[in-house]
């Protein structure tokens, strides 16, 4: 388990490096890339071992880690955390308004903001779960509200900063992600999603319905109760159920109108009956290839099991993201 744990820690930091992201010790433990449950003591020992070998570095006075030549990520982490605070407040304000739509069962933050790793120029990704058979009518109402507050992200707009992108909307019958989307990227998205507003323990149901993430992030299977405590939970009352039922009667019309409107504009969007995934830039298409290149480069150049320190440049030819903030 020792060798496997070392490699799992390195892979976890390699994945974070794709996003120019330094990780706290607790995050490494929670998001450890491994299909096996790994204890905190084992991870603590291996963090110390990898540090002595020069494979990873630790910020002085903090339990913050990065790969051996990425000390600049420590400063970047502070900067992005500051940007994230403002975006989080915007997300909470907009989410609170959207939650007045009776069909919405959960409003959550996804993407980089969920980990407080936001650039100044980033938009804000929201994840919605709706009552059964209301994904499209809910999207129509939500977009109307965002337009009213001039907060909607438009695909071709140059103004992205702090705008809202409804990048995923699923109804209650589709909260278990489809098999085609079950990969390391989606596992991270599920595990790191931060719920803001929740009706009737929908977040707990969502996590239980996506236990497949344990194939990639076994340690993330538990501990999501802390995230649930941070969100506002509201019971699913009879009036809410009634208005949800009424709106569900317009679902087919709402879907037809929106599909007709976007017919000439569609690219890689997923537009199933109860599962809508929109994003102008599908990060999965570049995140996973960059991660695999980093893993391949690491395993071909060195071994985390060597007893001597390792001092290698971190893959300067792999197209790593620039540290300049936009």
C-alpha atoms as a PDB file:
ATOM      1  CA  UNK A   1       0.000   0.000   0.000  1.00  0.00           C
ATOM      2  CA  UNK A   2       2.960   2.296   0.665  1.00  0.00           C
ATOM      3  CA  UNK A   3       4.130   2.473  -2.968  1.00  0.00           C
ATOM      4  CA  UNK A   4       0.556   2.795  -4.239  1.00  0.00           C
ATOM      5  CA  UNK A   5      -0.182   5.606  -1.784  1.00  0.00           C
ATOM      6  CA  UNK A   6       2.866   7.585  -2.889  1.00  0.00           C
ATOM      7  CA  UNK A   7       1.850   7.279  -6.525  1.00  0.00           C
ATOM      8  CA  UNK A   8      -1.754   8.186  -5.695  1.00  0.00           C
ATOM      9  CA  UNK A   9      -0.597  11.380  -3.956  1.00  0.00           C
ATOM     10  CA  UNK A  10       1.552  12.354  -6.931  1.00  0.00           C
ATOM     11  CA  UNK A  11      -1.318  11.675  -9.355  1.00  0.00           C
ATOM     12  CA  UNK A  12      -3.613  13.802  -7.220  1.00  0.00           C
ATOM     13  CA  UNK A  13      -1.188  16.724  -7.362  1.00  0.00           C
ATOM     14  CA  UNK A  14      -0.608  16.165 -11.087  1.00  0.00           C
ATOM     15  CA  UNK A  15      -4.341  16.477 -11.676  1.00  0.00           C
ATOM     16  CA  UNK A  16      -4.456  19.652  -9.595  1.00  0.00           C
ATOM     17  CA  UNK A  17      -1.477  20.983 -11.553  1.00  0.00           C
ATOM     18  CA  UNK A  18      -3.597  20.955 -14.727  1.00  0.00           C
ATOM     19  CA  UNK A  19      -5.582  23.740 -13.033  1.00  0.00           C
ATOM     20  CA  UNK A  20      -2.484  25.457 -11.547  1.00  0.00           C
ATOM     21  CA  UNK A  21      -3.753  24.524  -8.110  1.00  0.00           C
ATOM     22  CA  UNK A  22      -1.902  23.869  -4.851  1.00  0.00           C
ATOM     23  CA  UNK A  23      -3.725  21.549  -2.434  1.00  0.00           C
ATOM     24  CA  UNK A  24      -4.151  21.553   1.312  1.00  0.00           C
ATOM     25  CA  UNK A  25      -3.413  18.342   3.163  1.00  0.00           C
ATOM     26  CA  UNK A  26      -7.103  17.696   3.866  1.00  0.00           C
ATOM     27  CA  UNK A  27      -7.906  18.127   0.169  1.00  0.00           C
ATOM     28  CA  UNK A  28      -5.255  15.626  -0.839  1.00  0.00           C
ATOM     29  CA  UNK A  29      -6.756  13.147   1.597  1.00  0.00           C
ATOM     30  CA  UNK A  30     -10.301  13.760   0.381  1.00  0.00           C
ATOM     31  CA  UNK A  31      -9.629  13.910  -3.385  1.00  0.00           C
ATOM     32  CA  UNK A  32      -6.924  11.222  -3.469  1.00  0.00           C
ATOM     33  CA  UNK A  33      -6.974   9.589  -6.895  1.00  0.00           C
ATOM     34  CA  UNK A  34      -7.296   5.954  -5.935  1.00  0.00           C
ATOM     35  CA  UNK A  35      -9.995   3.249  -6.086  1.00  0.00           C
ATOM     36  CA  UNK A  36      -8.967   2.127  -2.586  1.00  0.00           C
ATOM     37  CA  UNK A  37      -9.783   3.648   0.777  1.00  0.00           C
ATOM     38  CA  UNK A  38      -6.580   5.149   2.196  1.00  0.00           C
ATOM     39  CA  UNK A  39      -6.178   6.118   5.829  1.00  0.00           C
ATOM     40  CA  UNK A  40      -5.043   9.542   6.951  1.00  0.00           C
ATOM     41  CA  UNK A  41      -2.003   8.159   8.782  1.00  0.00           C
ATOM     42  CA  UNK A  42      -0.746   6.433   5.642  1.00  0.00           C
ATOM     43  CA  UNK A  43      -1.174   9.624   3.657  1.00  0.00           C
ATOM     44  CA  UNK A  44       0.589  11.677   6.345  1.00  0.00           C
ATOM     45  CA  UNK A  45       3.583   9.331   6.276  1.00  0.00           C
ATOM     46  CA  UNK A  46       3.785   9.330   2.499  1.00  0.00           C
ATOM     47  CA  UNK A  47       3.508  13.124   2.298  1.00  0.00           C
ATOM     48  CA  UNK A  48       6.537  13.343   4.572  1.00  0.00           C
ATOM     49  CA  UNK A  49       8.395  10.724   2.513  1.00  0.00           C
ATOM     50  CA  UNK A  50       7.683  12.467  -0.787  1.00  0.00           C
ATOM     51  CA  UNK A  51       8.739  15.776   0.694  1.00  0.00           C
ATOM     52  CA  UNK A  52      12.079  14.312   1.815  1.00  0.00           C
ATOM     53  CA  UNK A  53      12.617  12.894  -1.679  1.00  0.00           C
ATOM     54  CA  UNK A  54      12.025  16.294  -3.230  1.00  0.00           C
ATOM     55  CA  UNK A  55       9.001  15.101  -5.189  1.00  0.00           C
ATOM     56  CA  UNK A  56       6.636  17.580  -3.524  1.00  0.00           C
ATOM     57  CA  UNK A  57       7.049  20.820  -1.588  1.00  0.00           C
ATOM     58  CA  UNK A  58       5.153  22.255   1.353  1.00  0.00           C
ATOM     59  CA  UNK A  59       4.463  25.909   2.078  1.00  0.00           C
ATOM     60  CA  UNK A  60       6.227  27.034   5.210  1.00  0.00           C
ATOM     61  CA  UNK A  61       3.850  27.350   8.149  1.00  0.00           C
ATOM     62  CA  UNK A  62       0.898  25.792   6.270  1.00  0.00           C
ATOM     63  CA  UNK A  63      -0.243  22.331   5.234  1.00  0.00           C
ATOM     64  CA  UNK A  64      -0.310  23.396   1.573  1.00  0.00           C
ATOM     65  CA  UNK A  65       1.396  21.227  -1.044  1.00  0.00           C
ATOM     66  CA  UNK A  66       2.461  21.388  -4.678  1.00  0.00           C
ATOM     67  CA  UNK A  67       4.809  19.531  -6.993  1.00  0.00           C
ATOM     68  CA  UNK A  68       8.543  20.104  -6.616  1.00  0.00           C
ATOM     69  CA  UNK A  69       8.993  23.070  -8.987  1.00  0.00           C
ATOM     70  CA  UNK A  70       5.622  24.762  -8.527  1.00  0.00           C
ATOM     71  CA  UNK A  71       6.276  27.044  -5.563  1.00  0.00           C
ATOM     72  CA  UNK A  72       4.595  29.874  -7.507  1.00  0.00           C
ATOM     73  CA  UNK A  73       1.275  28.063  -7.024  1.00  0.00           C
ATOM     74  CA  UNK A  74       1.316  29.033  -3.353  1.00  0.00           C
ATOM     75  CA  UNK A  75       1.043  32.737  -4.233  1.00  0.00           C
ATOM     76  CA  UNK A  76      -1.459  32.016  -6.975  1.00  0.00           C
ATOM     77  CA  UNK A  77      -3.641  30.091  -4.542  1.00  0.00           C
ATOM     78  CA  UNK A  78      -3.946  33.152  -2.288  1.00  0.00           C
ATOM     79  CA  UNK A  79      -4.824  35.395  -5.232  1.00  0.00           C
ATOM     80  CA  UNK A  80      -7.462  33.088  -6.649  1.00  0.00           C
ATOM     81  CA  UNK A  81      -8.986  32.516  -3.245  1.00  0.00           C
ATOM     82  CA  UNK A  82      -9.489  36.269  -2.993  1.00  0.00           C
ATOM     83  CA  UNK A  83     -11.216  36.380  -6.402  1.00  0.00           C
ATOM     84  CA  UNK A  84     -13.385  33.431  -5.381  1.00  0.00           C
ATOM     85  CA  UNK A  85     -14.796  35.216  -2.322  1.00  0.00           C
ATOM     86  CA  UNK A  86     -16.572  37.837  -4.442  1.00  0.00           C
ATOM     87  CA  UNK A  87     -17.791  35.260  -6.944  1.00  0.00           C
ATOM     88  CA  UNK A  88     -19.135  33.084  -4.138  1.00  0.00           C
ATOM     89  CA  UNK A  89     -21.222  35.967  -2.819  1.00  0.00           C
ATOM     90  CA  UNK A  90     -22.631  36.568  -6.307  1.00  0.00           C
ATOM     91  CA  UNK A  91     -23.411  32.863  -6.669  1.00  0.00           C
ATOM     92  CA  UNK A  92     -25.244  32.819  -3.340  1.00  0.00           C
ATOM     93  CA  UNK A  93     -27.282  35.907  -4.234  1.00  0.00           C
ATOM     94  CA  UNK A  94     -28.293  34.578  -7.657  1.00  0.00           C
ATOM     95  CA  UNK A  95     -28.855  31.082  -6.293  1.00  0.00           C
ATOM     96  CA  UNK A  96     -31.203  32.430  -3.646  1.00  0.00           C
ATOM     97  CA  UNK A  97     -33.294  34.124  -6.345  1.00  0.00           C
ATOM     98  CA  UNK A  98     -33.323  31.058  -8.594  1.00  0.00           C
ATOM     99  CA  UNK A  99     -34.457  28.928  -5.675  1.00  0.00           C
ATOM    100  CA  UNK A 100     -37.820  30.714  -5.800  1.00  0.00           C
ATOM    101  CA  UNK A 101     -38.524  28.631  -8.911  1.00  0.00           C
ATOM    102  CA  UNK A 102     -40.604  25.824  -7.366  1.00  0.00           C
ATOM    103  CA  UNK A 103     -39.214  23.114  -9.645  1.00  0.00           C
ATOM    104  CA  UNK A 104     -35.628  23.589  -8.437  1.00  0.00           C
ATOM    105  CA  UNK A 105     -34.573  20.992  -5.861  1.00  0.00           C
ATOM    106  CA  UNK A 106     -30.919  21.996  -5.566  1.00  0.00           C
ATOM    107  CA  UNK A 107     -28.626  24.870  -6.545  1.00  0.00           C
ATOM    108  CA  UNK A 108     -24.902  24.111  -6.381  1.00  0.00           C
ATOM    109  CA  UNK A 109     -21.592  25.619  -7.431  1.00  0.00           C
ATOM    110  CA  UNK A 110     -19.471  23.551  -9.776  1.00  0.00           C
ATOM    111  CA  UNK A 111     -16.189  24.073 -11.593  1.00  0.00           C
ATOM    112  CA  UNK A 112     -13.169  25.929 -10.260  1.00  0.00           C
ATOM    113  CA  UNK A 113     -15.179  28.156  -7.944  1.00  0.00           C
ATOM    114  CA  UNK A 114     -16.238  25.124  -5.887  1.00  0.00           C
ATOM    115  CA  UNK A 115     -12.586  24.820  -4.834  1.00  0.00           C
ATOM    116  CA  UNK A 116     -11.972  28.585  -4.535  1.00  0.00           C
ATOM    117  CA  UNK A 117      -9.626  28.393  -7.531  1.00  0.00           C
ATOM    118  CA  UNK A 118     -11.231  31.099  -9.639  1.00  0.00           C
ATOM    119  CA  UNK A 119      -9.462  33.490 -12.001  1.00  0.00           C
ATOM    120  CA  UNK A 120     -10.528  37.123 -12.022  1.00  0.00           C
ATOM    121  CA  UNK A 121     -12.020  36.686 -15.511  1.00  0.00           C
ATOM    122  CA  UNK A 122     -13.931  33.467 -14.765  1.00  0.00           C
ATOM    123  CA  UNK A 123     -17.673  33.079 -15.001  1.00  0.00           C
ATOM    124  CA  UNK A 124     -19.681  31.255 -12.322  1.00  0.00           C
ATOM    125  CA  UNK A 125     -20.866  27.706 -13.031  1.00  0.00           C
ATOM    126  CA  UNK A 126     -24.112  26.626 -11.390  1.00  0.00           C
ATOM    127  CA  UNK A 127     -25.475  23.105 -11.221  1.00  0.00           C
ATOM    128  CA  UNK A 128     -29.254  22.611 -10.900  1.00  0.00           C
ATOM    129  CA  UNK A 129     -31.320  19.592  -9.957  1.00  0.00           C
ATOM    130  CA  UNK A 130     -35.012  19.905 -10.719  1.00  0.00           C
ATOM    131  CA  UNK A 131     -38.095  17.913  -9.859  1.00  0.00           C
ATOM    132  CA  UNK A 132     -38.895  15.041 -12.216  1.00  0.00           C
ATOM    133  CA  UNK A 133     -39.824  16.038 -15.741  1.00  0.00           C
ATOM    134  CA  UNK A 134     -39.103  19.762 -15.363  1.00  0.00           C
ATOM    135  CA  UNK A 135     -35.490  20.278 -16.508  1.00  0.00           C
ATOM    136  CA  UNK A 136     -36.367  22.271 -19.627  1.00  0.00           C
ATOM    137  CA  UNK A 137     -39.115  24.427 -18.198  1.00  0.00           C
ATOM    138  CA  UNK A 138     -36.838  25.166 -15.253  1.00  0.00           C
ATOM    139  CA  UNK A 139     -34.025  26.187 -17.597  1.00  0.00           C
ATOM    140  CA  UNK A 140     -36.356  28.539 -19.441  1.00  0.00           C
ATOM    141  CA  UNK A 141     -37.459  30.226 -16.209  1.00  0.00           C
ATOM    142  CA  UNK A 142     -33.901  30.386 -14.843  1.00  0.00           C
ATOM    143  CA  UNK A 143     -32.545  31.983 -18.014  1.00  0.00           C
ATOM    144  CA  UNK A 144     -35.347  34.537 -17.876  1.00  0.00           C
ATOM    145  CA  UNK A 145     -34.340  35.500 -14.345  1.00  0.00           C
ATOM    146  CA  UNK A 146     -30.661  35.728 -15.286  1.00  0.00           C
ATOM    147  CA  UNK A 147     -31.520  37.963 -18.242  1.00  0.00           C
ATOM    148  CA  UNK A 148     -33.606  40.160 -15.967  1.00  0.00           C
ATOM    149  CA  UNK A 149     -30.607  40.712 -13.693  1.00  0.00           C
ATOM    150  CA  UNK A 150     -28.143  40.979 -16.611  1.00  0.00           C
ATOM    151  CA  UNK A 151     -26.264  38.020 -15.123  1.00  0.00           C
ATOM    152  CA  UNK A 152     -26.485  35.416 -17.884  1.00  0.00           C
ATOM    153  CA  UNK A 153     -23.398  34.261 -19.725  1.00  0.00           C
ATOM    154  CA  UNK A 154     -23.838  34.332 -23.494  1.00  0.00           C
ATOM    155  CA  UNK A 155     -21.716  31.966 -25.564  1.00  0.00           C
ATOM    156  CA  UNK A 156     -20.334  34.611 -27.924  1.00  0.00           C
ATOM    157  CA  UNK A 157     -20.147  37.445 -25.438  1.00  0.00           C
ATOM    158  CA  UNK A 158     -16.796  38.917 -24.439  1.00  0.00           C
ATOM    159  CA  UNK A 159     -18.163  39.778 -21.011  1.00  0.00           C
ATOM    160  CA  UNK A 160     -17.651  36.620 -18.978  1.00  0.00           C
ATOM    161  CA  UNK A 161     -16.433  37.890 -15.612  1.00  0.00           C
ATOM    162  CA  UNK A 162     -18.908  36.986 -12.843  1.00  0.00           C
ATOM    163  CA  UNK A 163     -21.666  36.037 -15.284  1.00  0.00           C
ATOM    164  CA  UNK A 164     -23.719  32.898 -14.558  1.00  0.00           C
ATOM    165  CA  UNK A 165     -23.433  29.743 -16.651  1.00  0.00           C
ATOM    166  CA  UNK A 166     -26.043  27.041 -16.040  1.00  0.00           C
ATOM    167  CA  UNK A 167     -23.615  24.404 -17.190  1.00  0.00           C
ATOM    168  CA  UNK A 168     -25.613  21.392 -16.013  1.00  0.00           C
ATOM    169  CA  UNK A 169     -29.293  20.839 -15.283  1.00  0.00           C
ATOM    170  CA  UNK A 170     -30.676  17.404 -14.430  1.00  0.00           C
ATOM    171  CA  UNK A 171     -34.080  16.353 -13.214  1.00  0.00           C
ATOM    172  CA  UNK A 172     -34.648  14.077 -10.231  1.00  0.00           C
ATOM    173  CA  UNK A 173     -34.939  11.006 -12.449  1.00  0.00           C
ATOM    174  CA  UNK A 174     -31.483  11.613 -13.942  1.00  0.00           C
ATOM    175  CA  UNK A 175     -29.364  12.519 -10.908  1.00  0.00           C
ATOM    176  CA  UNK A 176     -27.147   9.488 -11.505  1.00  0.00           C
ATOM    177  CA  UNK A 177     -24.741  10.622 -14.227  1.00  0.00           C
ATOM    178  CA  UNK A 178     -24.884   8.535 -17.432  1.00  0.00           C
ATOM    179  CA  UNK A 179     -22.241   5.844 -18.007  1.00  0.00           C
ATOM    180  CA  UNK A 180     -20.692   7.814 -20.879  1.00  0.00           C
ATOM    181  CA  UNK A 181     -19.782  10.638 -18.481  1.00  0.00           C
ATOM    182  CA  UNK A 182     -18.346   8.495 -15.695  1.00  0.00           C
ATOM    183  CA  UNK A 183     -14.668   9.359 -15.708  1.00  0.00           C
ATOM    184  CA  UNK A 184     -12.140  11.061 -13.435  1.00  0.00           C
ATOM    185  CA  UNK A 185     -13.241  14.523 -14.534  1.00  0.00           C
ATOM    186  CA  UNK A 186     -16.910  13.925 -13.697  1.00  0.00           C
ATOM    187  CA  UNK A 187     -15.969  12.186 -10.442  1.00  0.00           C
ATOM    188  CA  UNK A 188     -14.185  15.373  -9.374  1.00  0.00           C
ATOM    189  CA  UNK A 189     -17.148  17.510 -10.432  1.00  0.00           C
ATOM    190  CA  UNK A 190     -19.513  15.402  -8.314  1.00  0.00           C
ATOM    191  CA  UNK A 191     -17.198  15.269  -5.308  1.00  0.00           C
ATOM    192  CA  UNK A 192     -16.311  18.964  -5.255  1.00  0.00           C
ATOM    193  CA  UNK A 193     -19.742  20.411  -6.104  1.00  0.00           C
ATOM    194  CA  UNK A 194     -20.741  22.827  -3.346  1.00  0.00           C
ATOM    195  CA  UNK A 195     -24.496  22.867  -2.594  1.00  0.00           C
ATOM    196  CA  UNK A 196     -25.987  26.266  -1.791  1.00  0.00           C
ATOM    197  CA  UNK A 197     -29.729  25.610  -1.528  1.00  0.00           C
ATOM    198  CA  UNK A 198     -31.373  22.226  -1.097  1.00  0.00           C
ATOM    199  CA  UNK A 199     -34.921  20.949  -0.811  1.00  0.00           C
ATOM    200  CA  UNK A 200     -35.675  17.714   0.986  1.00  0.00           C
ATOM    201  CA  UNK A 201     -32.072  16.404   1.226  1.00  0.00           C
ATOM    202  CA  UNK A 202     -31.631  16.326  -2.556  1.00  0.00           C
ATOM    203  CA  UNK A 203     -27.860  16.722  -2.233  1.00  0.00           C
ATOM    204  CA  UNK A 204     -27.610  13.571  -0.121  1.00  0.00           C
ATOM    205  CA  UNK A 205     -29.698  11.684  -2.690  1.00  0.00           C
ATOM    206  CA  UNK A 206     -27.460  12.984  -5.478  1.00  0.00           C
ATOM    207  CA  UNK A 207     -24.291  11.782  -3.767  1.00  0.00           C
ATOM    208  CA  UNK A 208     -25.769   8.362  -2.993  1.00  0.00           C
ATOM    209  CA  UNK A 209     -26.889   8.009  -6.614  1.00  0.00           C
ATOM    210  CA  UNK A 210     -23.317   8.630  -7.827  1.00  0.00           C
ATOM    211  CA  UNK A 211     -21.357   6.194  -5.716  1.00  0.00           C
ATOM    212  CA  UNK A 212     -19.481   5.165  -8.876  1.00  0.00           C
ATOM    213  CA  UNK A 213     -17.082   8.042  -8.104  1.00  0.00           C
ATOM    214  CA  UNK A 214     -15.451   5.617  -5.661  1.00  0.00           C
ATOM    215  CA  UNK A 215     -13.841   3.931  -8.665  1.00  0.00           C
ATOM    216  CA  UNK A 216     -11.709   7.065  -9.017  1.00  0.00           C
ATOM    217  CA  UNK A 217     -11.880   8.899  -5.663  1.00  0.00           C
ATOM    218  CA  UNK A 218     -12.608   6.326  -2.979  1.00  0.00           C
ATOM    219  CA  UNK A 219     -11.844   8.690  -0.090  1.00  0.00           C
ATOM    220  CA  UNK A 220     -14.440  11.152  -1.431  1.00  0.00           C
ATOM    221  CA  UNK A 221     -17.223   8.664  -0.794  1.00  0.00           C
ATOM    222  CA  UNK A 222     -17.582   9.885   2.785  1.00  0.00           C
ATOM    223  CA  UNK A 223     -17.480  13.269   4.422  1.00  0.00           C
ATOM    224  CA  UNK A 224     -19.952  14.994   2.114  1.00  0.00           C
ATOM    225  CA  UNK A 225     -22.181  15.639   5.100  1.00  0.00           C
ATOM    226  CA  UNK A 226     -19.986  18.650   5.902  1.00  0.00           C
ATOM    227  CA  UNK A 227     -20.825  20.203   2.541  1.00  0.00           C
ATOM    228  CA  UNK A 228     -24.514  19.558   3.149  1.00  0.00           C
ATOM    229  CA  UNK A 229     -24.310  21.418   6.462  1.00  0.00           C
ATOM    230  CA  UNK A 230     -23.012  24.517   4.684  1.00  0.00           C
ATOM    231  CA  UNK A 231     -26.070  24.865   2.441  1.00  0.00           C
ATOM    232  CA  UNK A 232     -29.550  26.161   3.207  1.00  0.00           C
ATOM    233  CA  UNK A 233     -32.002  23.262   3.444  1.00  0.00           C
ATOM    234  CA  UNK A 234     -35.713  23.881   2.900  1.00  0.00           C
ATOM    235  CA  UNK A 235     -38.475  21.248   3.145  1.00  0.00           C
ATOM    236  CA  UNK A 236     -40.421  20.239   0.056  1.00  0.00           C
ATOM    237  CA  UNK A 237     -43.817  21.644   0.978  1.00  0.00           C
ATOM    238  CA  UNK A 238     -47.197  20.818  -0.539  1.00  0.00           C
ATOM    239  CA  UNK A 239     -47.493  24.175  -2.408  1.00  0.00           C
ATOM    240  CA  UNK A 240     -44.036  23.628  -3.923  1.00  0.00           C
ATOM    241  CA  UNK A 241     -45.086  20.160  -5.090  1.00  0.00           C
ATOM    242  CA  UNK A 242     -48.293  21.586  -6.565  1.00  0.00           C
ATOM    243  CA  UNK A 243     -46.599  24.352  -8.561  1.00  0.00           C
ATOM    244  CA  UNK A 244     -43.932  21.893  -9.723  1.00  0.00           C
ATOM    245  CA  UNK A 245     -46.682  19.653 -11.050  1.00  0.00           C
ATOM    246  CA  UNK A 246     -48.325  22.561 -12.868  1.00  0.00           C
ATOM    247  CA  UNK A 247     -45.027  23.609 -14.490  1.00  0.00           C
ATOM    248  CA  UNK A 248     -44.274  20.023 -15.519  1.00  0.00           C
ATOM    249  CA  UNK A 249     -47.278  20.241 -17.858  1.00  0.00           C
ATOM    250  CA  UNK A 250     -45.304  22.731 -19.968  1.00  0.00           C
ATOM    251  CA  UNK A 251     -42.095  20.651 -20.108  1.00  0.00           C
ATOM    252  CA  UNK A 252     -42.526  19.306 -23.647  1.00  0.00           C
ATOM    253  CA  UNK A 253     -43.399  22.742 -25.011  1.00  0.00           C
ATOM    254  CA  UNK A 254     -40.442  24.350 -23.225  1.00  0.00           C
ATOM    255  CA  UNK A 255     -38.078  21.706 -24.572  1.00  0.00           C
ATOM    256  CA  UNK A 256     -39.399  22.004 -28.119  1.00  0.00           C
ATOM    257  CA  UNK A 257     -39.102  25.783 -28.169  1.00  0.00           C
ATOM    258  CA  UNK A 258     -35.526  25.757 -26.803  1.00  0.00           C
ATOM    259  CA  UNK A 259     -34.324  22.996 -29.140  1.00  0.00           C
ATOM    260  CA  UNK A 260     -35.805  24.876 -32.089  1.00  0.00           C
ATOM    261  CA  UNK A 261     -34.061  28.084 -31.003  1.00  0.00           C
ATOM    262  CA  UNK A 262     -30.673  26.430 -30.545  1.00  0.00           C
ATOM    263  CA  UNK A 263     -30.894  24.221 -33.655  1.00  0.00           C
ATOM    264  CA  UNK A 264     -28.374  26.239 -35.681  1.00  0.00           C
ATOM    265  CA  UNK A 265     -26.209  27.073 -32.662  1.00  0.00           C
ATOM    266  CA  UNK A 266     -25.572  23.622 -31.189  1.00  0.00           C
ATOM    267  CA  UNK A 267     -22.014  22.319 -30.874  1.00  0.00           C
ATOM    268  CA  UNK A 268     -21.140  19.728 -28.188  1.00  0.00           C
ATOM    269  CA  UNK A 269     -24.079  20.274 -25.853  1.00  0.00           C
ATOM    270  CA  UNK A 270     -25.943  17.317 -24.335  1.00  0.00           C
ATOM    271  CA  UNK A 271     -29.682  17.939 -24.586  1.00  0.00           C
ATOM    272  CA  UNK A 272     -31.511  14.823 -23.430  1.00  0.00           C
ATOM    273  CA  UNK A 273     -34.996  14.897 -21.927  1.00  0.00           C
ATOM    274  CA  UNK A 274     -33.903  15.172 -18.290  1.00  0.00           C
ATOM    275  CA  UNK A 275     -30.189  15.790 -18.651  1.00  0.00           C
ATOM    276  CA  UNK A 276     -28.854  19.074 -20.026  1.00  0.00           C
ATOM    277  CA  UNK A 277     -25.152  19.835 -20.137  1.00  0.00           C
ATOM    278  CA  UNK A 278     -24.133  23.183 -21.583  1.00  0.00           C
ATOM    279  CA  UNK A 279     -20.716  24.762 -21.630  1.00  0.00           C
ATOM    280  CA  UNK A 280     -19.036  26.747 -24.418  1.00  0.00           C
ATOM    281  CA  UNK A 281     -15.740  25.070 -23.496  1.00  0.00           C
ATOM    282  CA  UNK A 282     -16.105  21.434 -22.430  1.00  0.00           C
ATOM    283  CA  UNK A 283     -13.171  21.175 -20.035  1.00  0.00           C
ATOM    284  CA  UNK A 284     -13.209  17.378 -20.178  1.00  0.00           C
ATOM    285  CA  UNK A 285     -11.766  17.576 -23.707  1.00  0.00           C
ATOM    286  CA  UNK A 286      -8.520  19.141 -22.490  1.00  0.00           C
ATOM    287  CA  UNK A 287      -8.296  18.300 -18.774  1.00  0.00           C
ATOM    288  CA  UNK A 288      -7.994  14.527 -19.076  1.00  0.00           C
ATOM    289  CA  UNK A 289      -5.441  14.528 -21.957  1.00  0.00           C
ATOM    290  CA  UNK A 290      -3.228  17.018 -20.107  1.00  0.00           C
ATOM    291  CA  UNK A 291      -3.466  14.978 -16.937  1.00  0.00           C
ATOM    292  CA  UNK A 292      -2.532  11.767 -18.763  1.00  0.00           C
ATOM    293  CA  UNK A 293       0.469  13.497 -20.360  1.00  0.00           C
ATOM    294  CA  UNK A 294       1.671  14.580 -16.936  1.00  0.00           C
ATOM    295  CA  UNK A 295       1.289  11.089 -15.500  1.00  0.00           C
ATOM    296  CA  UNK A 296       3.082   9.520 -18.459  1.00  0.00           C
ATOM    297  CA  UNK A 297       5.910  12.049 -18.281  1.00  0.00           C
ATOM    298  CA  UNK A 298       6.344  11.513 -14.561  1.00  0.00           C
ATOM    299  CA  UNK A 299       6.319   7.727 -14.642  1.00  0.00           C
ATOM    300  CA  UNK A 300       8.708   7.628 -17.616  1.00  0.00           C
ATOM    301  CA  UNK A 301      11.270  10.039 -16.115  1.00  0.00           C
ATOM    302  CA  UNK A 302      11.331   9.009 -12.510  1.00  0.00           C
ATOM    303  CA  UNK A 303       9.882   6.870  -9.759  1.00  0.00           C
ATOM    304  CA  UNK A 304       8.351   8.109  -6.546  1.00  0.00           C
ATOM    305  CA  UNK A 305       9.835   5.042  -4.955  1.00  0.00           C
ATOM    306  CA  UNK A 306      13.456   6.109  -5.471  1.00  0.00           C
ATOM    307  CA  UNK A 307      15.288   6.751  -2.237  1.00  0.00           C
ATOM    308  CA  UNK A 308      17.298   9.658  -3.592  1.00  0.00           C
ATOM    309  CA  UNK A 309      15.765  13.123  -4.036  1.00  0.00           C
ATOM    310  CA  UNK A 310      14.226  13.902  -7.420  1.00  0.00           C
ATOM    311  CA  UNK A 311      14.755  17.338  -8.938  1.00  0.00           C
ATOM    312  CA  UNK A 312      13.227  17.444 -12.400  1.00  0.00           C
ATOM    313  CA  UNK A 313      11.626  20.284 -14.346  1.00  0.00           C
ATOM    314  CA  UNK A 314       7.892  19.741 -14.367  1.00  0.00           C
ATOM    315  CA  UNK A 315       7.093  18.925 -17.982  1.00  0.00           C
ATOM    316  CA  UNK A 316       7.755  22.356 -19.574  1.00  0.00           C
ATOM    317  CA  UNK A 317       6.643  21.099 -22.988  1.00  0.00           C
ATOM    318  CA  UNK A 318       3.226  19.799 -21.969  1.00  0.00           C
ATOM    319  CA  UNK A 319       1.294  23.019 -22.477  1.00  0.00           C
ATOM    320  CA  UNK A 320       0.650  23.697 -18.814  1.00  0.00           C
ATOM    321  CA  UNK A 321      -1.639  26.607 -18.084  1.00  0.00           C
ATOM    322  CA  UNK A 322      -0.005  29.977 -17.735  1.00  0.00           C
ATOM    323  CA  UNK A 323       0.197  31.422 -14.247  1.00  0.00           C
ATOM    324  CA  UNK A 324      -0.743  34.864 -15.518  1.00  0.00           C
ATOM    325  CA  UNK A 325      -4.182  35.871 -14.364  1.00  0.00           C
ATOM    326  CA  UNK A 326      -6.572  37.130 -16.985  1.00  0.00           C
END
